[in-house]
Amino acid sequence: MLIHEFDELLEAEPFQPFRILTADGRSLRVKSREFAWHAPASRIIWVASGRGEGRVHMIDLQLVTQSVIETDNGRGKGRGRSR
């Protein structure tokens, strides 16, 4: 995934929660804009779990295999590249 693709997901109006799937099998949910961020011109992102455990995941966007936009019915709509 490229940084501008990630930014498009974060800046979408209206915002829709999405999942990031990684090459090591992780699935991380971004439930609002405040739960994910990156430094300017960086391919490293941080995603907060939001489960009350204060956990933050650091992810290299080159290891993201797919992004999935969550729809109202709880099912995802795939987006982005699959490897």
N, C-alpha and C. Protein backbone atom coordinates (compact mmCIF):
# COMPACT_ATOMS: atom_id res chain seq x y z
N MET A 1 0.85 -1.17 0.00
CA MET A 1 0.00 0.00 0.00
C MET A 1 0.90 1.23 0.00
N LEU A 2 0.48 2.24 -0.72
CA LEU A 2 1.21 3.50 -0.77
C LEU A 2 0.62 4.49 0.23
N ILE A 3 1.43 5.44 0.67
CA ILE A 3 0.98 6.38 1.69
C ILE A 3 -0.23 7.19 1.22
N HIS A 4 -0.27 7.55 -0.06
CA HIS A 4 -1.43 8.34 -0.53
C HIS A 4 -2.71 7.50 -0.52
N GLU A 5 -2.60 6.18 -0.70
CA GLU A 5 -3.78 5.30 -0.61
C GLU A 5 -4.29 5.24 0.83
N PHE A 6 -3.36 5.17 1.76
CA PHE A 6 -3.73 5.18 3.19
C PHE A 6 -4.39 6.51 3.55
N ASP A 7 -3.81 7.62 3.07
CA ASP A 7 -4.38 8.94 3.34
C ASP A 7 -5.79 9.08 2.77
N GLU A 8 -6.03 8.49 1.60
CA GLU A 8 -7.38 8.53 1.01
C GLU A 8 -8.40 7.86 1.92
N LEU A 9 -8.01 6.76 2.53
CA LEU A 9 -8.91 6.08 3.47
C LEU A 9 -9.18 6.94 4.69
N LEU A 10 -8.14 7.56 5.22
CA LEU A 10 -8.30 8.39 6.42
C LEU A 10 -9.08 9.67 6.16
N GLU A 11 -8.92 10.24 4.97
CA GLU A 11 -9.54 11.53 4.66
C GLU A 11 -10.89 11.42 3.96
N ALA A 12 -11.38 10.22 3.75
CA ALA A 12 -12.66 10.03 3.06
C ALA A 12 -13.78 10.74 3.79
N GLU A 13 -14.68 11.34 3.03
CA GLU A 13 -15.87 12.01 3.59
C GLU A 13 -17.12 11.36 3.02
N PRO A 14 -17.97 10.80 3.81
CA PRO A 14 -17.79 10.61 5.25
C PRO A 14 -16.78 9.49 5.52
N PHE A 15 -16.17 9.53 6.69
CA PHE A 15 -15.20 8.49 7.06
C PHE A 15 -15.94 7.17 7.22
N GLN A 16 -15.31 6.10 6.71
CA GLN A 16 -15.84 4.75 6.90
C GLN A 16 -14.76 3.92 7.58
N PRO A 17 -15.10 3.22 8.64
CA PRO A 17 -14.12 2.35 9.29
C PRO A 17 -13.55 1.36 8.26
N PHE A 18 -12.29 0.97 8.45
CA PHE A 18 -11.67 0.04 7.52
C PHE A 18 -10.70 -0.86 8.26
N ARG A 19 -10.34 -1.95 7.60
CA ARG A 19 -9.37 -2.90 8.13
C ARG A 19 -8.14 -2.90 7.24
N ILE A 20 -7.00 -3.09 7.88
CA ILE A 20 -5.74 -3.25 7.16
C ILE A 20 -5.31 -4.70 7.38
N LEU A 21 -5.06 -5.40 6.29
CA LEU A 21 -4.59 -6.78 6.36
C LEU A 21 -3.11 -6.79 6.01
N THR A 22 -2.32 -7.47 6.83
CA THR A 22 -0.87 -7.46 6.64
C THR A 22 -0.35 -8.82 6.18
N ALA A 23 0.86 -8.81 5.66
CA ALA A 23 1.48 -10.02 5.13
C ALA A 23 1.65 -11.11 6.19
N ASP A 24 1.75 -10.72 7.46
CA ASP A 24 1.91 -11.72 8.52
C ASP A 24 0.58 -12.21 9.09
N GLY A 25 -0.53 -11.83 8.43
CA GLY A 25 -1.84 -12.35 8.81
C GLY A 25 -2.63 -11.49 9.78
N ARG A 26 -2.09 -10.35 10.18
CA ARG A 26 -2.84 -9.49 11.10
C ARG A 26 -3.96 -8.75 10.37
N SER A 27 -5.01 -8.47 11.11
CA SER A 27 -6.13 -7.67 10.63
C SER A 27 -6.36 -6.58 11.67
N LEU A 28 -6.10 -5.33 11.28
CA LEU A 28 -6.22 -4.23 12.23
C LEU A 28 -7.33 -3.30 11.79
N ARG A 29 -8.25 -3.00 12.70
CA ARG A 29 -9.39 -2.15 12.40
C ARG A 29 -9.09 -0.71 12.76
N VAL A 30 -9.37 0.19 11.83
CA VAL A 30 -9.27 1.63 12.08
C VAL A 30 -10.71 2.12 12.19
N LYS A 31 -11.16 2.36 13.42
CA LYS A 31 -12.58 2.69 13.60
C LYS A 31 -12.88 4.18 13.45
N SER A 32 -11.85 5.03 13.56
CA SER A 32 -12.02 6.46 13.27
C SER A 32 -10.64 7.05 12.96
N ARG A 33 -10.63 8.25 12.43
CA ARG A 33 -9.38 8.89 12.03
C ARG A 33 -8.38 9.00 13.17
N GLU A 34 -8.86 9.17 14.37
CA GLU A 34 -8.00 9.36 15.52
C GLU A 34 -7.22 8.12 15.91
N PHE A 35 -7.56 6.98 15.32
CA PHE A 35 -6.92 5.72 15.70
C PHE A 35 -5.79 5.31 14.76
N ALA A 36 -5.45 6.16 13.77
CA ALA A 36 -4.34 5.84 12.87
C ALA A 36 -3.64 7.13 12.45
N TRP A 37 -2.34 7.05 12.29
CA TRP A 37 -1.58 8.24 11.91
C TRP A 37 -0.22 7.83 11.35
N HIS A 38 0.45 8.81 10.74
CA HIS A 38 1.82 8.62 10.25
C HIS A 38 2.53 9.96 10.23
N ALA A 39 3.85 9.90 10.26
CA ALA A 39 4.65 11.11 10.14
C ALA A 39 4.64 11.55 8.68
N PRO A 40 4.85 12.83 8.42
CA PRO A 40 4.89 13.29 7.03
C PRO A 40 5.93 12.53 6.21
N ALA A 41 5.55 12.15 5.01
CA ALA A 41 6.43 11.45 4.05
C ALA A 41 7.02 10.15 4.61
N SER A 42 6.30 9.49 5.49
CA SER A 42 6.76 8.23 6.07
C SER A 42 5.86 7.09 5.64
N ARG A 43 6.45 5.93 5.39
CA ARG A 43 5.64 4.77 5.03
C ARG A 43 5.29 3.93 6.26
N ILE A 44 5.74 4.37 7.43
CA ILE A 44 5.40 3.70 8.68
C ILE A 44 4.14 4.35 9.24
N ILE A 45 3.15 3.50 9.59
CA ILE A 45 1.92 4.00 10.20
C ILE A 45 1.77 3.39 11.59
N TRP A 46 0.96 4.04 12.40
CA TRP A 46 0.62 3.53 13.72
C TRP A 46 -0.88 3.41 13.80
N VAL A 47 -1.34 2.28 14.33
CA VAL A 47 -2.77 2.03 14.48
C VAL A 47 -3.03 1.64 15.93
N ALA A 48 -3.89 2.42 16.59
CA ALA A 48 -4.27 2.14 17.98
C ALA A 48 -5.40 1.12 17.98
N SER A 49 -5.32 0.17 18.89
CA SER A 49 -6.32 -0.90 18.92
C SER A 49 -7.68 -0.42 19.38
N GLY A 50 -7.72 0.56 20.29
CA GLY A 50 -8.99 1.07 20.76
C GLY A 50 -9.77 0.12 21.64
N ARG A 51 -9.10 -0.87 22.19
CA ARG A 51 -9.78 -1.86 23.03
C ARG A 51 -9.59 -1.59 24.51
N GLY A 52 -9.17 -0.39 24.86
CA GLY A 52 -8.96 -0.07 26.26
C GLY A 52 -7.66 -0.59 26.81
N GLU A 53 -6.84 -1.21 25.96
CA GLU A 53 -5.59 -1.77 26.44
C GLU A 53 -4.39 -0.90 26.09
N GLY A 54 -4.62 0.23 25.43
CA GLY A 54 -3.55 1.15 25.11
C GLY A 54 -2.52 0.61 24.14
N ARG A 55 -2.90 -0.34 23.34
CA ARG A 55 -1.98 -0.98 22.41
C ARG A 55 -1.90 -0.22 21.10
N VAL A 56 -0.69 -0.02 20.60
CA VAL A 56 -0.46 0.66 19.33
C VAL A 56 0.41 -0.24 18.46
N HIS A 57 -0.02 -0.45 17.22
CA HIS A 57 0.71 -1.28 16.28
C HIS A 57 1.46 -0.40 15.29
N MET A 58 2.74 -0.68 15.08
CA MET A 58 3.54 0.03 14.10
C MET A 58 3.65 -0.87 12.86
N ILE A 59 3.28 -0.33 11.70
CA ILE A 59 3.21 -1.14 10.48
C ILE A 59 3.90 -0.42 9.33
N ASP A 60 4.71 -1.16 8.61
CA ASP A 60 5.30 -0.66 7.37
C ASP A 60 4.26 -0.88 6.28
N LEU A 61 3.89 0.18 5.57
CA LEU A 61 2.84 0.07 4.55
C LEU A 61 3.20 -0.90 3.43
N GLN A 62 4.49 -1.19 3.24
CA GLN A 62 4.87 -2.17 2.22
C GLN A 62 4.44 -3.58 2.62
N LEU A 63 4.10 -3.78 3.89
CA LEU A 63 3.64 -5.10 4.35
C LEU A 63 2.12 -5.21 4.39
N VAL A 64 1.42 -4.15 3.98
CA VAL A 64 -0.04 -4.19 3.92
C VAL A 64 -0.44 -4.83 2.60
N THR A 65 -1.19 -5.91 2.68
CA THR A 65 -1.59 -6.63 1.47
C THR A 65 -2.94 -6.19 0.94
N GLN A 66 -3.79 -5.66 1.83
CA GLN A 66 -5.14 -5.26 1.40
C GLN A 66 -5.75 -4.33 2.43
N SER A 67 -6.61 -3.45 1.96
CA SER A 67 -7.45 -2.66 2.86
C SER A 67 -8.90 -3.02 2.56
N VAL A 68 -9.70 -3.08 3.59
CA VAL A 68 -11.10 -3.47 3.46
C VAL A 68 -11.96 -2.42 4.13
N ILE A 69 -12.80 -1.76 3.35
CA ILE A 69 -13.72 -0.76 3.90
C ILE A 69 -14.92 -1.50 4.47
N GLU A 70 -15.25 -1.20 5.71
CA GLU A 70 -16.39 -1.85 6.35
C GLU A 70 -17.68 -1.15 5.93
N THR A 71 -18.68 -1.94 5.64
CA THR A 71 -19.98 -1.40 5.25
C THR A 71 -20.92 -1.47 6.44
N ASP A 72 -22.10 -0.87 6.31
CA ASP A 72 -23.07 -0.83 7.41
C ASP A 72 -23.51 -2.20 7.89
N ASN A 73 -23.51 -3.18 6.99
CA ASN A 73 -23.98 -4.51 7.38
C ASN A 73 -22.89 -5.37 8.01
N GLY A 74 -21.71 -4.77 8.27
CA GLY A 74 -20.64 -5.51 8.92
C GLY A 74 -19.75 -6.27 7.97
N ARG A 75 -20.10 -6.29 6.70
CA ARG A 75 -19.26 -6.99 5.73
C ARG A 75 -18.35 -5.98 5.05
N GLY A 76 -17.19 -6.43 4.69
CA GLY A 76 -16.23 -5.53 4.09
C GLY A 76 -16.30 -5.50 2.58
N LYS A 77 -15.81 -4.41 2.04
CA LYS A 77 -15.67 -4.26 0.59
C LYS A 77 -14.19 -4.10 0.33
N GLY A 78 -13.57 -5.07 -0.34
CA GLY A 78 -12.13 -5.05 -0.56
C GLY A 78 -11.70 -3.85 -1.39
N ARG A 79 -10.51 -3.39 -1.11
CA ARG A 79 -9.96 -2.26 -1.84
C ARG A 79 -8.44 -2.38 -1.81
N GLY A 80 -7.83 -1.91 -2.83
CA GLY A 80 -6.37 -1.90 -2.85
C GLY A 80 -5.81 -3.13 -3.48
N ARG A 81 -4.51 -3.29 -3.30
CA ARG A 81 -3.80 -4.39 -3.93
C ARG A 81 -3.81 -5.62 -3.05
N SER A 82 -3.89 -6.76 -3.67
CA SER A 82 -3.68 -8.01 -2.97
C SER A 82 -2.37 -8.59 -3.48
N ARG A 83 -1.64 -9.22 -2.61
CA ARG A 83 -0.37 -9.82 -3.03
C ARG A 83 -0.49 -11.31 -3.08
